[in-house]
Amino acid sequence: MLSDALANPPSKWQRRIGWSLTALTILFMLLDAAGKLALESHTVAATIQIGYPVQAIRPIGIIAIVCTLLYAWPRTAIFGAILLTGFYGGAVASKIRIEDPLFSSVLFGVYMGLIAWGGLYLRDEGIRRLVPLRR
């Protein structure tokens, strides 16, 4: 099975789009984590509005960085994507709890999850074998 994956690598366009989506995910997450670690006023206000105490903001930022670094490193990208999925799920649940608008706020975590997994799917033959799209 491994030899099949090596014999049929992703095409050039799949790899480019996949890495572009991956880079978008990494950039967003690093900016989000930096805002949390720096206790940027907008980030603090948004986090408090969701219902988290100020003391939780930096630990959330550290978790975001760890998940993102695991996602960024090809060897641990799948594990990182799983952790980011949990991170985004927590964001979705928090937004549902405060009754934020569905498409612009609540589903943003779902959109980010789709971008993260889409990038991984396009650039990794093993993921495409695990979750094949049927015609």
Protein backbone atom coordinates (compact mmCIF):
# COMPACT_ATOMS: atom_id res chain seq x y z
CA MET A 1 0.00 0.00 0.00
CA LEU A 2 2.86 2.38 0.80
CA SER A 3 4.51 1.58 -2.53
CA ASP A 4 1.20 2.42 -4.30
CA ALA A 5 1.15 5.83 -2.61
CA LEU A 6 4.74 6.50 -3.68
CA ALA A 7 4.01 5.36 -7.23
CA ASN A 8 1.04 7.76 -7.59
CA PRO A 9 2.03 11.05 -5.94
CA PRO A 10 -0.21 14.13 -6.04
CA SER A 11 -0.09 16.10 -9.29
CA LYS A 12 1.71 19.43 -9.45
CA TRP A 13 -1.52 21.46 -9.22
CA GLN A 14 -2.80 19.36 -6.32
CA ARG A 15 0.42 19.86 -4.42
CA ARG A 16 0.43 23.63 -5.08
CA ILE A 17 -3.19 24.16 -4.07
CA GLY A 18 -2.77 21.82 -1.10
CA TRP A 19 0.27 23.71 0.20
CA SER A 20 -1.48 27.05 -0.44
CA LEU A 21 -4.45 25.97 1.68
CA THR A 22 -2.06 24.62 4.30
CA ALA A 23 -0.15 27.92 4.34
CA LEU A 24 -3.42 29.84 4.71
CA THR A 25 -4.37 27.69 7.71
CA ILE A 26 -0.94 28.07 9.31
CA LEU A 27 -0.88 31.84 8.76
CA PHE A 28 -4.36 32.32 10.23
CA MET A 29 -3.60 30.16 13.26
CA LEU A 30 -0.25 31.82 13.98
CA LEU A 31 -1.84 35.29 13.76
CA ASP A 32 -4.67 34.15 16.03
CA ALA A 33 -2.23 32.65 18.54
CA ALA A 34 0.01 35.74 18.45
CA GLY A 35 -2.99 37.93 19.31
CA LYS A 36 -3.79 35.67 22.23
CA LEU A 37 -0.22 35.52 23.53
CA ALA A 38 0.18 39.31 23.23
CA LEU A 39 -3.22 39.84 24.90
CA GLU A 40 -4.19 42.15 22.04
CA SER A 41 -7.21 44.22 23.09
CA HIS A 42 -9.51 43.00 20.29
CA THR A 43 -8.65 39.37 21.06
CA VAL A 44 -9.18 39.85 24.79
CA ALA A 45 -12.57 41.51 24.21
CA ALA A 46 -13.73 38.77 21.83
CA THR A 47 -12.59 35.98 24.16
CA ILE A 48 -14.31 37.56 27.16
CA GLN A 49 -17.49 38.01 25.09
CA ILE A 50 -17.47 34.27 24.38
CA GLY A 51 -17.31 33.65 28.12
CA TYR A 52 -13.69 32.73 28.81
CA PRO A 53 -11.70 34.42 31.59
CA VAL A 54 -8.64 36.52 30.76
CA GLN A 55 -6.40 33.89 32.42
CA ALA A 56 -7.42 31.37 29.76
CA ILE A 57 -6.39 33.46 26.76
CA ARG A 58 -2.63 32.76 26.78
CA PRO A 59 -3.04 29.00 27.39
CA ILE A 60 -5.47 28.88 24.45
CA GLY A 61 -2.83 30.68 22.36
CA ILE A 62 -0.18 28.14 23.37
CA ILE A 63 -2.51 25.28 22.45
CA ALA A 64 -3.16 26.93 19.09
CA ILE A 65 0.57 27.24 18.38
CA VAL A 66 1.29 23.63 19.33
CA CYS A 67 -1.56 22.32 17.14
CA THR A 68 -0.43 24.54 14.26
CA LEU A 69 3.21 23.47 14.48
CA LEU A 70 2.16 19.82 14.46
CA TYR A 71 0.00 20.54 11.39
CA ALA A 72 2.84 22.42 9.66
CA TRP A 73 5.39 19.62 10.02
CA PRO A 74 4.66 17.00 7.31
CA ARG A 75 5.47 14.05 9.60
CA THR A 76 2.84 15.08 12.13
CA ALA A 77 0.44 16.92 9.80
CA ILE A 78 -2.40 14.41 10.21
CA PHE A 79 -2.16 14.51 14.00
CA GLY A 80 -2.03 18.31 13.84
CA ALA A 81 -5.10 18.39 11.59
CA ILE A 82 -6.98 16.20 14.08
CA LEU A 83 -6.02 18.54 16.93
CA LEU A 84 -6.97 21.63 14.89
CA THR A 85 -10.34 20.00 14.19
CA GLY A 86 -10.91 19.75 17.94
CA PHE A 87 -9.75 23.35 18.40
CA TYR A 88 -12.17 24.56 15.72
CA GLY A 89 -14.95 22.43 17.21
CA GLY A 90 -14.47 24.20 20.53
CA ALA A 91 -14.73 27.54 18.77
CA VAL A 92 -17.94 26.48 17.03
CA ALA A 93 -19.46 25.26 20.31
CA SER A 94 -18.50 28.50 22.05
CA LYS A 95 -20.08 30.60 19.29
CA ILE A 96 -23.28 28.51 19.33
CA ARG A 97 -23.53 28.97 23.10
CA ILE A 98 -23.58 32.77 22.79
CA GLU A 99 -25.93 32.63 19.77
CA ASP A 100 -23.61 34.33 17.29
CA PRO A 101 -24.70 34.59 13.62
CA LEU A 102 -24.54 31.19 11.93
CA PHE A 103 -22.78 31.74 8.60
CA SER A 104 -20.43 34.59 9.51
CA SER A 105 -19.36 33.46 12.96
CA VAL A 106 -20.50 30.02 14.12
CA LEU A 107 -19.48 28.19 10.96
CA PHE A 108 -16.11 29.95 10.64
CA GLY A 109 -14.47 27.06 12.51
CA VAL A 110 -16.08 24.64 10.06
CA TYR A 111 -14.74 26.67 7.14
CA MET A 112 -11.24 26.64 8.65
CA GLY A 113 -11.46 22.88 9.22
CA LEU A 114 -12.43 22.34 5.59
CA ILE A 115 -9.51 24.49 4.43
CA ALA A 116 -7.05 22.65 6.72
CA TRP A 117 -8.22 19.17 5.70
CA GLY A 118 -8.62 20.20 2.05
CA GLY A 119 -4.99 21.28 1.95
CA LEU A 120 -3.86 18.04 3.52
CA TYR A 121 -6.12 16.00 1.24
CA LEU A 122 -4.78 17.59 -1.93
CA ARG A 123 -1.10 17.22 -1.06
CA ASP A 124 -1.13 13.80 0.65
CA GLU A 125 -1.85 10.64 -1.32
CA GLY A 126 -2.25 8.64 1.90
CA ILE A 127 -5.18 10.82 3.01
CA ARG A 128 -6.78 10.49 -0.43
CA ARG A 129 -6.49 6.71 -0.16
CA LEU A 130 -8.00 6.76 3.32
CA VAL A 131 -10.91 9.00 2.26
CA PRO A 132 -11.45 8.45 -1.46
CA LEU A 133 -13.90 10.59 -3.40
CA ARG A 134 -16.07 8.36 -5.58
CA ARG A 135 -17.39 9.27 -9.01
